[in-house]
N, C-alpha and C. Protein backbone atom coordinates (compact mmCIF):
# COMPACT_ATOMS: atom_id res chain seq x y z
N UNK A 1 83.14 128.55 71.23
CA UNK A 1 81.87 128.85 71.82
C UNK A 1 81.62 130.37 71.85
N UNK A 2 82.66 131.12 72.07
CA UNK A 2 82.52 132.57 72.10
C UNK A 2 82.15 133.11 70.72
N UNK A 3 82.75 132.51 69.67
CA UNK A 3 82.43 132.94 68.31
C UNK A 3 80.97 132.68 67.98
N UNK A 4 80.47 131.52 68.35
CA UNK A 4 79.07 131.19 68.11
C UNK A 4 78.15 132.14 68.87
N UNK A 5 78.49 132.42 70.11
CA UNK A 5 77.67 133.34 70.91
C UNK A 5 77.67 134.74 70.30
N UNK A 6 78.81 135.17 69.77
CA UNK A 6 78.87 136.49 69.14
C UNK A 6 78.01 136.52 67.88
N UNK A 7 78.07 135.46 67.06
CA UNK A 7 77.25 135.40 65.85
C UNK A 7 75.77 135.41 66.19
N UNK A 8 75.37 134.64 67.17
CA UNK A 8 73.96 134.60 67.57
C UNK A 8 73.53 135.95 68.12
N UNK A 9 74.36 136.55 68.97
CA UNK A 9 74.02 137.84 69.55
C UNK A 9 73.90 138.94 68.51
N UNK A 10 74.84 139.00 67.58
CA UNK A 10 74.79 140.03 66.56
C UNK A 10 73.65 139.78 65.57
N UNK A 11 73.34 138.52 65.34
CA UNK A 11 72.18 138.21 64.49
C UNK A 11 70.89 138.67 65.15
N UNK A 12 70.79 138.47 66.44
CA UNK A 12 69.60 138.94 67.16
C UNK A 12 69.52 140.47 67.15
N UNK A 13 70.66 141.14 67.24
CA UNK A 13 70.66 142.60 67.14
C UNK A 13 70.18 143.03 65.75
N UNK A 14 70.60 142.31 64.71
CA UNK A 14 70.17 142.63 63.35
C UNK A 14 68.67 142.43 63.18
N UNK A 15 68.13 141.36 63.73
CA UNK A 15 66.69 141.12 63.66
C UNK A 15 65.95 142.18 64.45
N UNK A 16 66.48 142.55 65.61
CA UNK A 16 65.85 143.59 66.42
C UNK A 16 65.83 144.92 65.65
N UNK A 17 66.94 145.26 64.99
CA UNK A 17 66.99 146.50 64.21
C UNK A 17 66.01 146.45 63.04
N UNK A 18 65.84 145.29 62.43
CA UNK A 18 64.88 145.13 61.34
C UNK A 18 63.46 145.40 61.82
N UNK A 19 63.12 144.85 62.98
CA UNK A 19 61.77 145.02 63.52
C UNK A 19 61.58 146.42 64.10
N UNK A 20 62.57 146.94 64.77
CA UNK A 20 62.46 148.21 65.47
C UNK A 20 62.48 149.43 64.55
N UNK A 21 63.23 149.34 63.45
CA UNK A 21 63.39 150.48 62.56
C UNK A 21 62.94 150.13 61.14
N UNK A 22 61.62 150.06 60.91
CA UNK A 22 61.15 149.69 59.57
C UNK A 22 61.46 150.73 58.50
N UNK A 23 61.70 151.97 58.88
CA UNK A 23 62.03 153.00 57.89
C UNK A 23 63.38 152.76 57.22
N UNK A 24 64.27 152.03 57.89
CA UNK A 24 65.59 151.77 57.33
C UNK A 24 65.58 150.66 56.29
N UNK A 25 64.49 149.92 56.19
CA UNK A 25 64.44 148.81 55.25
C UNK A 25 64.52 149.31 53.81
N UNK A 26 65.24 148.58 52.96
CA UNK A 26 65.30 148.99 51.55
C UNK A 26 63.94 148.86 50.88
N UNK A 27 63.65 149.78 49.98
CA UNK A 27 62.35 149.81 49.32
C UNK A 27 62.23 148.90 48.12
N UNK A 28 63.34 148.37 47.63
CA UNK A 28 63.27 147.50 46.46
C UNK A 28 64.26 146.35 46.64
N UNK A 29 64.09 145.36 45.81
CA UNK A 29 64.97 144.19 45.86
C UNK A 29 66.39 144.58 45.46
N UNK A 30 66.53 145.47 44.49
CA UNK A 30 67.86 145.88 44.06
C UNK A 30 68.62 146.63 45.16
N UNK A 31 67.91 147.44 45.92
CA UNK A 31 68.56 148.13 47.04
C UNK A 31 68.98 147.14 48.12
N UNK A 32 68.16 146.13 48.36
CA UNK A 32 68.52 145.11 49.35
C UNK A 32 69.76 144.34 48.89
N UNK A 33 69.82 144.01 47.61
CA UNK A 33 71.00 143.32 47.08
C UNK A 33 72.21 144.24 47.16
N UNK A 34 72.02 145.52 46.88
CA UNK A 34 73.14 146.47 46.98
C UNK A 34 73.67 146.54 48.41
N UNK A 35 72.78 146.51 49.39
CA UNK A 35 73.23 146.51 50.79
C UNK A 35 74.04 145.25 51.10
N UNK A 36 73.62 144.11 50.57
CA UNK A 36 74.38 142.88 50.80
C UNK A 36 75.77 142.99 50.18
N UNK A 37 75.85 143.52 48.97
CA UNK A 37 77.14 143.68 48.30
C UNK A 37 78.04 144.63 49.08
N UNK A 38 77.48 145.76 49.50
CA UNK A 38 78.27 146.74 50.26
C UNK A 38 78.73 146.14 51.59
N UNK A 39 77.87 145.37 52.25
CA UNK A 39 78.27 144.78 53.52
C UNK A 39 79.39 143.76 53.34
N UNK A 40 79.35 143.01 52.23
CA UNK A 40 80.45 142.07 51.96
C UNK A 40 81.75 142.81 51.66
N UNK A 41 81.67 143.91 50.94
CA UNK A 41 82.87 144.70 50.64
C UNK A 41 83.45 145.28 51.93
N UNK A 42 82.59 145.82 52.78
CA UNK A 42 83.06 146.38 54.05
C UNK A 42 83.71 145.29 54.90
N UNK A 43 83.08 144.12 54.94
CA UNK A 43 83.63 143.03 55.74
C UNK A 43 84.93 142.50 55.14
N UNK A 44 85.03 142.49 53.82
CA UNK A 44 86.26 142.03 53.17
C UNK A 44 87.41 143.01 53.36
N UNK A 45 87.10 144.29 53.49
CA UNK A 45 88.13 145.30 53.71
C UNK A 45 88.55 145.43 55.18
N UNK A 46 87.86 144.72 56.05
CA UNK A 46 88.16 144.81 57.48
C UNK A 46 89.60 144.41 57.81
N UNK A 47 90.14 143.30 57.28
CA UNK A 47 91.54 142.98 57.61
C UNK A 47 92.53 144.05 57.16
N UNK A 48 92.31 144.63 55.98
CA UNK A 48 93.21 145.70 55.53
C UNK A 48 93.09 146.93 56.43
N UNK A 49 91.87 147.24 56.84
CA UNK A 49 91.66 148.37 57.74
C UNK A 49 92.34 148.13 59.08
N UNK A 50 92.21 146.90 59.58
CA UNK A 50 92.88 146.58 60.84
C UNK A 50 94.40 146.65 60.69
N UNK A 51 94.91 146.26 59.53
CA UNK A 51 96.35 146.34 59.29
C UNK A 51 96.86 147.77 59.32
N UNK A 52 96.00 148.71 58.94
CA UNK A 52 96.39 150.12 58.98
C UNK A 52 96.19 150.75 60.35
N UNK A 53 95.15 150.31 61.05
CA UNK A 53 94.78 150.96 62.31
C UNK A 53 95.54 150.39 63.50
N UNK A 54 95.77 149.10 63.53
CA UNK A 54 96.37 148.48 64.71
C UNK A 54 97.79 148.96 65.01
N UNK A 55 98.64 149.19 64.01
CA UNK A 55 99.97 149.73 64.38
C UNK A 55 99.91 151.11 65.03
N UNK A 56 98.83 151.84 64.80
CA UNK A 56 98.70 153.18 65.39
C UNK A 56 98.10 153.14 66.79
N UNK A 57 97.77 151.96 67.29
CA UNK A 57 97.20 151.86 68.64
C UNK A 57 98.25 152.29 69.66
N UNK A 58 97.83 153.11 70.62
CA UNK A 58 98.81 153.63 71.59
C UNK A 58 99.41 152.57 72.50
N UNK A 59 98.66 151.51 72.78
CA UNK A 59 99.21 150.46 73.62
C UNK A 59 98.70 149.10 73.14
N UNK A 60 99.46 148.06 73.36
CA UNK A 60 99.03 146.73 72.92
C UNK A 60 97.76 146.25 73.64
N UNK A 61 97.48 146.80 74.77
CA UNK A 61 96.28 146.41 75.51
C UNK A 61 94.99 146.89 74.85
N UNK A 62 95.10 147.90 73.99
CA UNK A 62 93.91 148.43 73.31
C UNK A 62 93.57 147.68 72.02
N UNK A 63 94.47 146.81 71.56
CA UNK A 63 94.27 146.12 70.28
C UNK A 63 92.97 145.32 70.25
N UNK A 64 92.64 144.51 71.27
CA UNK A 64 91.37 143.77 71.20
C UNK A 64 90.15 144.69 71.12
N UNK A 65 90.21 145.83 71.79
CA UNK A 65 89.09 146.76 71.76
C UNK A 65 88.94 147.42 70.39
N UNK A 66 90.05 147.71 69.76
CA UNK A 66 90.00 148.28 68.41
C UNK A 66 89.44 147.26 67.43
N UNK A 67 89.88 146.02 67.56
CA UNK A 67 89.37 144.96 66.68
C UNK A 67 87.86 144.79 66.87
N UNK A 68 87.41 144.73 68.10
CA UNK A 68 85.98 144.58 68.36
C UNK A 68 85.19 145.81 67.93
N UNK A 69 85.77 146.98 68.09
CA UNK A 69 85.07 148.22 67.69
C UNK A 69 84.85 148.28 66.18
N UNK A 70 85.70 147.64 65.41
CA UNK A 70 85.52 147.59 63.97
C UNK A 70 84.75 146.35 63.52
N UNK A 71 84.94 145.24 64.22
CA UNK A 71 84.31 143.98 63.82
C UNK A 71 82.82 143.96 64.10
N UNK A 72 82.40 144.42 65.26
CA UNK A 72 81.00 144.32 65.66
C UNK A 72 80.07 145.11 64.72
N UNK A 73 80.35 146.37 64.39
CA UNK A 73 79.45 147.06 63.47
C UNK A 73 79.43 146.46 62.06
N UNK A 74 80.60 146.05 61.56
CA UNK A 74 80.62 145.50 60.20
C UNK A 74 79.91 144.16 60.14
N UNK A 75 80.07 143.34 61.14
CA UNK A 75 79.39 142.04 61.15
C UNK A 75 77.88 142.21 61.37
N UNK A 76 77.50 143.16 62.20
CA UNK A 76 76.08 143.43 62.40
C UNK A 76 75.44 143.94 61.11
N UNK A 77 76.13 144.81 60.39
CA UNK A 77 75.61 145.30 59.11
C UNK A 77 75.51 144.16 58.09
N UNK A 78 76.46 143.24 58.12
CA UNK A 78 76.39 142.08 57.24
C UNK A 78 75.14 141.26 57.52
N UNK A 79 74.89 140.97 58.79
CA UNK A 79 73.69 140.21 59.16
C UNK A 79 72.42 140.99 58.84
N UNK A 80 72.43 142.30 59.13
CA UNK A 80 71.25 143.12 58.88
C UNK A 80 70.93 143.19 57.38
N UNK A 81 71.95 143.27 56.56
CA UNK A 81 71.70 143.32 55.12
C UNK A 81 71.06 142.02 54.63
N UNK A 82 71.45 140.90 55.19
CA UNK A 82 70.81 139.63 54.82
C UNK A 82 69.38 139.56 55.33
N UNK A 83 69.13 140.08 56.52
CA UNK A 83 67.76 140.11 57.02
C UNK A 83 66.90 141.00 56.14
N UNK A 84 67.45 142.14 55.71
CA UNK A 84 66.73 143.02 54.78
C UNK A 84 66.43 142.31 53.47
N UNK A 85 67.41 141.58 52.96
CA UNK A 85 67.20 140.88 51.69
C UNK A 85 66.14 139.80 51.83
N UNK A 86 66.22 139.01 52.87
CA UNK A 86 65.22 137.95 53.08
C UNK A 86 63.84 138.57 53.29
N UNK A 87 63.76 139.64 54.07
CA UNK A 87 62.48 140.31 54.29
C UNK A 87 61.91 140.89 53.00
N UNK A 88 62.77 141.45 52.15
CA UNK A 88 62.31 142.02 50.88
C UNK A 88 61.82 140.93 49.94
N UNK A 89 62.54 139.81 49.88
CA UNK A 89 62.12 138.71 49.02
C UNK A 89 60.79 138.15 49.50
N UNK A 90 60.64 137.96 50.80
CA UNK A 90 59.37 137.45 51.32
C UNK A 90 58.24 138.45 51.07
N UNK A 91 58.52 139.73 51.22
CA UNK A 91 57.50 140.74 50.97
C UNK A 91 57.06 140.71 49.51
N UNK A 92 58.02 140.58 48.60
CA UNK A 92 57.69 140.55 47.18
C UNK A 92 56.99 139.25 46.79
N UNK A 93 57.38 138.14 47.39
CA UNK A 93 56.74 136.87 47.06
C UNK A 93 55.32 136.77 47.60
N UNK A 94 55.13 137.26 48.80
CA UNK A 94 53.81 137.16 49.43
C UNK A 94 52.92 138.33 49.07
N UNK A 95 53.42 139.29 48.35
CA UNK A 95 52.61 140.41 47.90
C UNK A 95 52.41 141.49 48.94
N UNK A 96 52.93 141.33 50.11
CA UNK A 96 52.81 142.36 51.13
C UNK A 96 51.42 142.51 51.72
N UNK A 97 50.52 141.62 51.36
CA UNK A 97 49.15 141.69 51.89
C UNK A 97 48.90 140.47 52.75
N UNK A 98 48.08 140.61 53.77
CA UNK A 98 47.76 139.46 54.59
C UNK A 98 46.92 138.47 53.78
N UNK A 99 47.11 137.21 54.08
CA UNK A 99 46.35 136.18 53.37
C UNK A 99 45.29 135.60 54.29
N UNK A 100 44.14 135.32 53.71
CA UNK A 100 43.07 134.68 54.47
C UNK A 100 42.27 135.68 55.27
N UNK A 101 41.22 135.21 55.87
CA UNK A 101 40.39 136.07 56.69
C UNK A 101 39.42 136.88 55.85
N UNK A 102 38.64 137.66 56.53
CA UNK A 102 37.66 138.48 55.86
C UNK A 102 38.25 139.84 55.53
N UNK A 103 37.81 140.46 54.43
CA UNK A 103 38.32 141.80 54.14
C UNK A 103 37.84 142.81 55.19
N UNK A 104 38.69 143.78 55.48
CA UNK A 104 38.36 144.79 56.47
C UNK A 104 37.35 145.77 55.89
N UNK A 105 36.44 146.20 56.72
CA UNK A 105 35.45 147.17 56.26
C UNK A 105 35.97 148.59 56.49
N UNK A 106 35.41 149.54 55.77
CA UNK A 106 35.85 150.94 55.90
C UNK A 106 35.30 151.60 57.14
N UNK A 107 34.20 151.09 57.68
CA UNK A 107 33.59 151.74 58.84
C UNK A 107 34.08 151.18 60.14
């Protein structure tokens, strides 16, 4: 249950970052795909990174905090990269223009 709650919470943080910071969104589909690839590489390297960092922890009580300090940003970036990709695909498919309604006047 804790794992599910963490996934939902970090997914909501990724969606919030997508909505709150539109300047960070990739400008093209290739950049969005590149972010997904980079996020998967970062997430795949996380166990090796933990293997190097955890033995250097000053006390065994700090190990969970070190794991969470590395896991939360990498997992959030993974979710955010997917939100960017889905948003970019939808933007490209829908043309980025509103559909329906009357055209806006200049005055």
